[in-house]
């Protein structure tokens, strides 16, 4: 069985092209998602919506405080009920 010369050259060219494409891929830099998120938050505080971002952070802090006080109140009520 003989392979036509044009088919053999086409196959060799295809393999060489695939190899070249695989070798030339640039490696993507590894990015830490948490660090990027923190940096984006700091940039947003200084941007046009800085007051809204700061207000949101304050609200989240108040939410945590209110939740803690509510949990303490429930614990005290359960302790008094015993």
PDB file of N, CA and C in Angstrom:
ATOM      1  N   UNK A   1       0.845  -1.169   0.000  1.00  0.00           N
ATOM      2  CA  UNK A   1       0.000   0.000   0.000  1.00  0.00           C
ATOM      3  C   UNK A   1       0.896   1.239   0.000  1.00  0.00           C
ATOM      4  N   UNK A   2       0.659   2.091  -0.924  1.00  0.00           N
ATOM      5  CA  UNK A   2       1.460   3.305  -1.031  1.00  0.00           C
ATOM      6  C   UNK A   2       0.574   4.504  -0.723  1.00  0.00           C
ATOM      7  N   UNK A   3       1.187   5.481  -0.091  1.00  0.00           N
ATOM      8  CA  UNK A   3       0.483   6.715   0.264  1.00  0.00           C
ATOM      9  C   UNK A   3       0.895   7.772  -0.745  1.00  0.00           C
ATOM     10  N   UNK A   4      -0.080   8.468  -1.314  1.00  0.00           N
ATOM     11  CA  UNK A   4       0.288   9.530  -2.260  1.00  0.00           C
ATOM     12  C   UNK A   4       1.187  10.556  -1.581  1.00  0.00           C
ATOM     13  N   UNK A   5       2.107  11.078  -2.355  1.00  0.00           N
ATOM     14  CA  UNK A   5       3.093  12.028  -1.819  1.00  0.00           C
ATOM     15  C   UNK A   5       2.428  13.274  -1.247  1.00  0.00           C
ATOM     16  N   UNK A   6       1.385  13.786  -1.872  1.00  0.00           N
ATOM     17  CA  UNK A   6       0.690  14.981  -1.385  1.00  0.00           C
ATOM     18  C   UNK A   6       0.018  14.745  -0.045  1.00  0.00           C
ATOM     19  N   UNK A   7      -0.559  13.555   0.147  1.00  0.00           N
ATOM     20  CA  UNK A   7      -1.216  13.233   1.424  1.00  0.00           C
ATOM     21  C   UNK A   7      -0.185  13.133   2.536  1.00  0.00           C
ATOM     22  N   UNK A   8       0.967  12.533   2.234  1.00  0.00           N
ATOM     23  CA  UNK A   8       2.021  12.411   3.240  1.00  0.00           C
ATOM     24  C   UNK A   8       2.542  13.783   3.639  1.00  0.00           C
ATOM     25  N   UNK A   9       2.747  14.647   2.668  1.00  0.00           N
ATOM     26  CA  UNK A   9       3.213  16.001   2.992  1.00  0.00           C
ATOM     27  C   UNK A   9       2.168  16.773   3.781  1.00  0.00           C
ATOM     28  N   UNK A  10       0.903  16.593   3.434  1.00  0.00           N
ATOM     29  CA  UNK A  10      -0.165  17.275   4.168  1.00  0.00           C
ATOM     30  C   UNK A  10      -0.219  16.794   5.613  1.00  0.00           C
ATOM     31  N   UNK A  11      -0.041  15.488   5.822  1.00  0.00           N
ATOM     32  CA  UNK A  11      -0.051  14.940   7.180  1.00  0.00           C
ATOM     33  C   UNK A  11       1.125  15.471   7.993  1.00  0.00           C
ATOM     34  N   UNK A  12       2.301  15.494   7.384  1.00  0.00           N
ATOM     35  CA  UNK A  12       3.491  16.017   8.081  1.00  0.00           C
ATOM     36  C   UNK A  12       3.299  17.498   8.411  1.00  0.00           C
ATOM     37  N   UNK A  13       2.755  18.240   7.475  1.00  0.00           N
ATOM     38  CA  UNK A  13       2.509  19.663   7.707  1.00  0.00           C
ATOM     39  C   UNK A  13       1.502  19.868   8.840  1.00  0.00           C
ATOM     40  N   UNK A  14       0.454  19.039   8.874  1.00  0.00           N
ATOM     41  CA  UNK A  14      -0.563  19.167   9.927  1.00  0.00           C
ATOM     42  C   UNK A  14       0.031  18.862  11.293  1.00  0.00           C
ATOM     43  N   UNK A  15       0.858  17.837  11.386  1.00  0.00           N
ATOM     44  CA  UNK A  15       1.499  17.489  12.659  1.00  0.00           C
ATOM     45  C   UNK A  15       2.442  18.603  13.095  1.00  0.00           C
ATOM     46  N   UNK A  16       3.210  19.141  12.163  1.00  0.00           N
ATOM     47  CA  UNK A  16       4.133  20.229  12.495  1.00  0.00           C
ATOM     48  C   UNK A  16       3.378  21.469  12.953  1.00  0.00           C
ATOM     49  N   UNK A  17       2.262  21.756  12.309  1.00  0.00           N
ATOM     50  CA  UNK A  17       1.459  22.914  12.680  1.00  0.00           C
ATOM     51  C   UNK A  17       0.856  22.743  14.077  1.00  0.00           C
ATOM     52  N   UNK A  18       0.377  21.548  14.372  1.00  0.00           N
ATOM     53  CA  UNK A  18      -0.180  21.281  15.692  1.00  0.00           C
ATOM     54  C   UNK A  18       0.898  21.393  16.770  1.00  0.00           C
ATOM     55  N   UNK A  19       2.080  20.877  16.470  1.00  0.00           N
ATOM     56  CA  UNK A  19       3.188  20.957  17.422  1.00  0.00           C
ATOM     57  C   UNK A  19       3.594  22.403  17.672  1.00  0.00           C
ATOM     58  N   UNK A  20       3.663  23.194  16.619  1.00  0.00           N
ATOM     59  CA  UNK A  20       4.036  24.605  16.753  1.00  0.00           C
ATOM     60  C   UNK A  20       2.989  25.363  17.551  1.00  0.00           C
ATOM     61  N   UNK A  21       1.725  25.058  17.328  1.00  0.00           N
ATOM     62  CA  UNK A  21       0.664  25.739  18.067  1.00  0.00           C
ATOM     63  C   UNK A  21       0.723  25.389  19.548  1.00  0.00           C
ATOM     64  N   UNK A  22       1.053  24.137  19.859  1.00  0.00           N
ATOM     65  CA  UNK A  22       1.131  23.709  21.256  1.00  0.00           C
ATOM     66  C   UNK A  22       2.332  24.334  21.957  1.00  0.00           C
ATOM     67  N   UNK A  23       3.412  24.523  21.253  1.00  0.00           N
ATOM     68  CA  UNK A  23       4.620  25.085  21.858  1.00  0.00           C
ATOM     69  C   UNK A  23       4.520  26.585  22.089  1.00  0.00           C
ATOM     70  N   UNK A  24       3.718  27.281  21.314  1.00  0.00           N
ATOM     71  CA  UNK A  24       3.662  28.734  21.399  1.00  0.00           C
ATOM     72  C   UNK A  24       2.601  29.255  22.356  1.00  0.00           C
ATOM     73  N   UNK A  25       1.933  28.379  23.091  1.00  0.00           N
ATOM     74  CA  UNK A  25       0.903  28.855  24.021  1.00  0.00           C
ATOM     75  C   UNK A  25       1.561  29.594  25.176  1.00  0.00           C
ATOM     76  N   UNK A  26       1.047  30.759  25.450  1.00  0.00           N
ATOM     77  CA  UNK A  26       1.578  31.535  26.570  1.00  0.00           C
ATOM     78  C   UNK A  26       0.975  31.001  27.863  1.00  0.00           C
ATOM     79  N   UNK A  27       1.781  30.959  28.868  1.00  0.00           N
ATOM     80  CA  UNK A  27       1.292  30.490  30.159  1.00  0.00           C
ATOM     81  C   UNK A  27       0.554  31.626  30.851  1.00  0.00           C
ATOM     82  N   UNK A  28      -0.619  31.318  31.349  1.00  0.00           N
ATOM     83  CA  UNK A  28      -1.403  32.344  32.024  1.00  0.00           C
ATOM     84  C   UNK A  28      -0.853  32.552  33.429  1.00  0.00           C
ATOM     85  N   UNK A  29      -0.765  33.786  33.869  1.00  0.00           N
ATOM     86  CA  UNK A  29      -0.252  34.034  35.213  1.00  0.00           C
ATOM     87  C   UNK A  29      -1.259  33.571  36.259  1.00  0.00           C
ATOM     88  N   UNK A  30      -0.749  33.055  37.329  1.00  0.00           N
ATOM     89  CA  UNK A  30      -1.628  32.591  38.408  1.00  0.00           C
ATOM     90  C   UNK A  30      -2.048  33.807  39.223  1.00  0.00           C
ATOM     91  N   UNK A  31      -3.365  33.943  39.417  1.00  0.00           N
ATOM     92  CA  UNK A  31      -3.911  35.082  40.131  1.00  0.00           C
ATOM     93  C   UNK A  31      -4.643  34.569  41.360  1.00  0.00           C
ATOM     94  N   UNK A  32      -4.359  35.172  42.484  1.00  0.00           N
ATOM     95  CA  UNK A  32      -5.048  34.818  43.720  1.00  0.00           C
ATOM     96  C   UNK A  32      -6.369  35.575  43.755  1.00  0.00           C
ATOM     97  N   UNK A  33      -7.474  34.854  43.744  1.00  0.00           N
ATOM     98  CA  UNK A  33      -8.794  35.475  43.673  1.00  0.00           C
ATOM     99  C   UNK A  33      -9.077  36.334  44.897  1.00  0.00           C
ATOM    100  N   UNK A  34      -8.696  35.871  46.064  1.00  0.00           N
ATOM    101  CA  UNK A  34      -8.958  36.633  47.287  1.00  0.00           C
ATOM    102  C   UNK A  34      -8.163  37.940  47.297  1.00  0.00           C
ATOM    103  N   UNK A  35      -6.925  37.880  46.863  1.00  0.00           N
ATOM    104  CA  UNK A  35      -6.101  39.092  46.836  1.00  0.00           C
ATOM    105  C   UNK A  35      -6.650  40.080  45.813  1.00  0.00           C
ATOM    106  N   UNK A  36      -7.079  39.571  44.659  1.00  0.00           N
ATOM    107  CA  UNK A  36      -7.639  40.456  43.635  1.00  0.00           C
ATOM    108  C   UNK A  36      -8.941  41.084  44.116  1.00  0.00           C
ATOM    109  N   UNK A  37      -9.767  40.316  44.825  1.00  0.00           N
ATOM    110  CA  UNK A  37     -11.023  40.844  45.353  1.00  0.00           C
ATOM    111  C   UNK A  37     -10.759  41.952  46.384  1.00  0.00           C
ATOM    112  N   UNK A  38      -9.771  41.744  47.240  1.00  0.00           N
ATOM    113  CA  UNK A  38      -9.427  42.754  48.241  1.00  0.00           C
ATOM    114  C   UNK A  38      -8.893  44.017  47.581  1.00  0.00           C
ATOM    115  N   UNK A  39      -8.066  43.839  46.564  1.00  0.00           N
ATOM    116  CA  UNK A  39      -7.524  44.996  45.857  1.00  0.00           C
ATOM    117  C   UNK A  39      -8.631  45.752  45.123  1.00  0.00           C
ATOM    118  N   UNK A  40      -9.574  45.022  44.544  1.00  0.00           N
ATOM    119  CA  UNK A  40     -10.695  45.671  43.851  1.00  0.00           C
ATOM    120  C   UNK A  40     -11.561  46.449  44.833  1.00  0.00           C
ATOM    121  N   UNK A  41     -11.743  45.920  46.024  1.00  0.00           N
ATOM    122  CA  UNK A  41     -12.528  46.629  47.040  1.00  0.00           C
ATOM    123  C   UNK A  41     -11.848  47.934  47.432  1.00  0.00           C
ATOM    124  N   UNK A  42     -10.545  47.883  47.620  1.00  0.00           N
ATOM    125  CA  UNK A  42      -9.810  49.101  47.970  1.00  0.00           C
ATOM    126  C   UNK A  42      -9.877  50.130  46.843  1.00  0.00           C
ATOM    127  N   UNK A  43      -9.772  49.669  45.593  1.00  0.00           N
ATOM    128  CA  UNK A  43      -9.888  50.607  44.460  1.00  0.00           C
ATOM    129  C   UNK A  43     -11.285  51.204  44.393  1.00  0.00           C
ATOM    130  N   UNK A  44     -12.291  50.401  44.695  1.00  0.00           N
ATOM    131  CA  UNK A  44     -13.670  50.908  44.599  1.00  0.00           C
ATOM    132  C   UNK A  44     -13.967  51.936  45.680  1.00  0.00           C
ATOM    133  N   UNK A  45     -13.287  51.860  46.806  1.00  0.00           N
ATOM    134  CA  UNK A  45     -13.492  52.850  47.876  1.00  0.00           C
ATOM    135  C   UNK A  45     -13.024  54.234  47.443  1.00  0.00           C
ATOM    136  N   UNK A  46     -12.064  54.267  46.551  1.00  0.00           N
ATOM    137  CA  UNK A  46     -11.505  55.542  46.109  1.00  0.00           C
ATOM    138  C   UNK A  46     -12.127  56.024  44.807  1.00  0.00           C
ATOM    139  N   UNK A  47     -12.983  55.219  44.206  1.00  0.00           N
ATOM    140  CA  UNK A  47     -13.574  55.558  42.912  1.00  0.00           C
ATOM    141  C   UNK A  47     -14.864  56.349  43.114  1.00  0.00           C
ATOM    142  N   UNK A  48     -15.632  56.485  42.065  1.00  0.00           N
ATOM    143  CA  UNK A  48     -16.844  57.309  42.076  1.00  0.00           C
ATOM    144  C   UNK A  48     -17.893  56.796  43.062  1.00  0.00           C
ATOM    145  N   UNK A  49     -17.923  55.502  43.311  1.00  0.00           N
ATOM    146  CA  UNK A  49     -18.939  54.940  44.202  1.00  0.00           C
ATOM    147  C   UNK A  49     -18.377  54.640  45.585  1.00  0.00           C
ATOM    148  N   UNK A  50     -17.369  55.351  46.002  1.00  0.00           N
ATOM    149  CA  UNK A  50     -16.722  55.096  47.280  1.00  0.00           C
ATOM    150  C   UNK A  50     -17.645  55.218  48.469  1.00  0.00           C
ATOM    151  N   UNK A  51     -18.534  56.221  48.457  1.00  0.00           N
ATOM    152  CA  UNK A  51     -19.435  56.383  49.603  1.00  0.00           C
ATOM    153  C   UNK A  51     -20.408  55.216  49.702  1.00  0.00           C
ATOM    154  N   UNK A  52     -20.877  54.711  48.561  1.00  0.00           N
ATOM    155  CA  UNK A  52     -21.791  53.577  48.596  1.00  0.00           C
ATOM    156  C   UNK A  52     -21.088  52.313  49.097  1.00  0.00           C
ATOM    157  N   UNK A  53     -19.838  52.120  48.684  1.00  0.00           N
ATOM    158  CA  UNK A  53     -19.083  50.948  49.122  1.00  0.00           C
ATOM    159  C   UNK A  53     -18.841  51.020  50.623  1.00  0.00           C
ATOM    160  N   UNK A  54     -18.474  52.183  51.114  1.00  0.00           N
ATOM    161  CA  UNK A  54     -18.256  52.345  52.553  1.00  0.00           C
ATOM    162  C   UNK A  54     -19.547  52.153  53.331  1.00  0.00           C
ATOM    163  N   UNK A  55     -20.669  52.642  52.802  1.00  0.00           N
ATOM    164  CA  UNK A  55     -21.960  52.461  53.475  1.00  0.00           C
ATOM    165  C   UNK A  55     -22.336  50.986  53.518  1.00  0.00           C
ATOM    166  N   UNK A  56     -22.049  50.260  52.458  1.00  0.00           N
ATOM    167  CA  UNK A  56     -22.341  48.830  52.427  1.00  0.00           C
ATOM    168  C   UNK A  56     -21.512  48.084  53.459  1.00  0.00           C
ATOM    169  N   UNK A  57     -20.244  48.429  53.583  1.00  0.00           N
ATOM    170  CA  UNK A  57     -19.398  47.788  54.592  1.00  0.00           C
ATOM    171  C   UNK A  57     -19.887  48.091  56.001  1.00  0.00           C
ATOM    172  N   UNK A  58     -20.317  49.328  56.235  1.00  0.00           N
ATOM    173  CA  UNK A  58     -20.854  49.692  57.545  1.00  0.00           C
ATOM    174  C   UNK A  58     -22.123  48.905  57.842  1.00  0.00           C
ATOM    175  N   UNK A  59     -22.979  48.761  56.853  1.00  0.00           N
ATOM    176  CA  UNK A  59     -24.220  47.999  57.035  1.00  0.00           C
ATOM    177  C   UNK A  59     -23.927  46.536  57.343  1.00  0.00           C
ATOM    178  N   UNK A  60     -22.930  45.968  56.684  1.00  0.00           N
ATOM    179  CA  UNK A  60     -22.569  44.575  56.963  1.00  0.00           C
ATOM    180  C   UNK A  60     -22.052  44.430  58.389  1.00  0.00           C
ATOM    181  N   UNK A  61     -21.291  45.414  58.847  1.00  0.00           N
ATOM    182  CA  UNK A  61     -20.806  45.389  60.223  1.00  0.00           C
ATOM    183  C   UNK A  61     -21.944  45.503  61.223  1.00  0.00           C
ATOM    184  N   UNK A  62     -22.918  46.374  60.935  1.00  0.00           N
ATOM    185  CA  UNK A  62     -24.085  46.503  61.811  1.00  0.00           C
ATOM    186  C   UNK A  62     -24.900  45.217  61.819  1.00  0.00           C
ATOM    187  N   UNK A  63     -25.007  44.568  60.665  1.00  0.00           N
ATOM    188  CA  UNK A  63     -25.756  43.316  60.585  1.00  0.00           C
ATOM    189  C   UNK A  63     -25.136  42.265  61.506  1.00  0.00           C
ATOM    190  N   UNK A  64     -23.839  42.149  61.478  1.00  0.00           N
ATOM    191  CA  UNK A  64     -23.150  41.180  62.322  1.00  0.00           C
ATOM    192  C   UNK A  64     -23.356  41.515  63.793  1.00  0.00           C
ATOM    193  N   UNK A  65     -23.302  42.798  64.129  1.00  0.00           N
ATOM    194  CA  UNK A  65     -23.497  43.225  65.514  1.00  0.00           C
ATOM    195  C   UNK A  65     -24.914  42.924  65.995  1.00  0.00           C
ATOM    196  N   UNK A  66     -25.913  43.235  65.164  1.00  0.00           N
ATOM    197  CA  UNK A  66     -27.309  42.980  65.540  1.00  0.00           C
ATOM    198  C   UNK A  66     -27.556  41.483  65.674  1.00  0.00           C
ATOM    199  N   UNK A  67     -27.005  40.692  64.778  1.00  0.00           N
ATOM    200  CA  UNK A  67     -27.167  39.240  64.868  1.00  0.00           C
ATOM    201  C   UNK A  67     -26.560  38.686  66.141  1.00  0.00           C
ATOM    202  N   UNK A  68     -25.391  39.197  66.522  1.00  0.00           N
ATOM    203  CA  UNK A  68     -24.748  38.741  67.758  1.00  0.00           C
ATOM    204  C   UNK A  68     -25.586  39.122  68.974  1.00  0.00           C
ATOM    205  N   UNK A  69     -26.105  40.342  68.994  1.00  0.00           N
ATOM    206  CA  UNK A  69     -26.934  40.775  70.126  1.00  0.00           C
ATOM    207  C   UNK A  69     -28.225  39.966  70.196  1.00  0.00           C
ATOM    208  N   UNK A  70     -28.818  39.641  69.051  1.00  0.00           N
ATOM    209  CA  UNK A  70     -30.032  38.827  69.039  1.00  0.00           C
ATOM    210  C   UNK A  70     -29.741  37.419  69.545  1.00  0.00           C
ATOM    211  N   UNK A  71     -28.622  36.847  69.153  1.00  0.00           N
ATOM    212  CA  UNK A  71     -28.252  35.513  69.631  1.00  0.00           C
ATOM    213  C   UNK A  71     -28.027  35.525  71.132  1.00  0.00           C
ATOM    214  N   UNK A  72     -27.383  36.584  71.652  1.00  0.00           N
ATOM    215  CA  UNK A  72     -27.175  36.702  73.094  1.00  0.00           C
ATOM    216  C   UNK A  72     -28.500  36.843  73.828  1.00  0.00           C
ATOM    217  N   UNK A  73     -29.437  37.609  73.272  1.00  0.00           N
ATOM    218  CA  UNK A  73     -30.742  37.787  73.900  1.00  0.00           C
ATOM    219  C   UNK A  73     -31.504  36.467  73.945  1.00  0.00           C
ATOM    220  N   UNK A  74     -31.440  35.695  72.872  1.00  0.00           N
ATOM    221  CA  UNK A  74     -32.097  34.384  72.855  1.00  0.00           C
ATOM    222  C   UNK A  74     -31.458  33.443  73.881  1.00  0.00           C
ATOM    223  N   UNK A  75     -30.139  33.449  73.962  1.00  0.00           N
ATOM    224  CA  UNK A  75     -29.456  32.617  74.945  1.00  0.00           C
ATOM    225  C   UNK A  75     -29.850  32.996  76.368  1.00  0.00           C
ATOM    226  N   UNK A  76     -29.921  34.302  76.643  1.00  0.00           N
ATOM    227  CA  UNK A  76     -30.319  34.762  77.972  1.00  0.00           C
ATOM    228  C   UNK A  76     -31.767  34.385  78.271  1.00  0.00           C
ATOM    229  N   UNK A  77     -32.648  34.491  77.305  1.00  0.00           N
ATOM    230  CA  UNK A  77     -34.049  34.130  77.514  1.00  0.00           C
ATOM    231  C   UNK A  77     -34.180  32.629  77.767  1.00  0.00           C
ATOM    232  N   UNK A  78     -33.434  31.825  77.053  1.00  0.00           N
ATOM    233  CA  UNK A  78     -33.481  30.376  77.289  1.00  0.00           C
ATOM    234  C   UNK A  78     -32.898  30.019  78.647  1.00  0.00           C
ATOM    235  N   UNK A  79     -31.849  30.744  79.060  1.00  0.00           N
ATOM    236  CA  UNK A  79     -31.237  30.494  80.363  1.00  0.00           C
ATOM    237  C   UNK A  79     -32.204  30.874  81.473  1.00  0.00           C
ATOM    238  N   UNK A  80     -32.923  31.987  81.311  1.00  0.00           N
ATOM    239  CA  UNK A  80     -33.885  32.423  82.326  1.00  0.00           C
ATOM    240  C   UNK A  80     -35.107  31.502  82.391  1.00  0.00           C
ATOM    241  N   UNK A  81     -35.447  30.860  81.288  1.00  0.00           N
ATOM    242  CA  UNK A  81     -36.620  29.995  81.237  1.00  0.00           C
ATOM    243  C   UNK A  81     -36.385  28.683  81.977  1.00  0.00           C
ATOM    244  N   UNK A  82     -35.146  28.318  82.206  1.00  0.00           N
ATOM    245  CA  UNK A  82     -34.843  27.043  82.875  1.00  0.00           C
ATOM    246  C   UNK A  82     -35.046  27.114  84.337  1.00  0.00           C
TER     247      UNK A  82
END
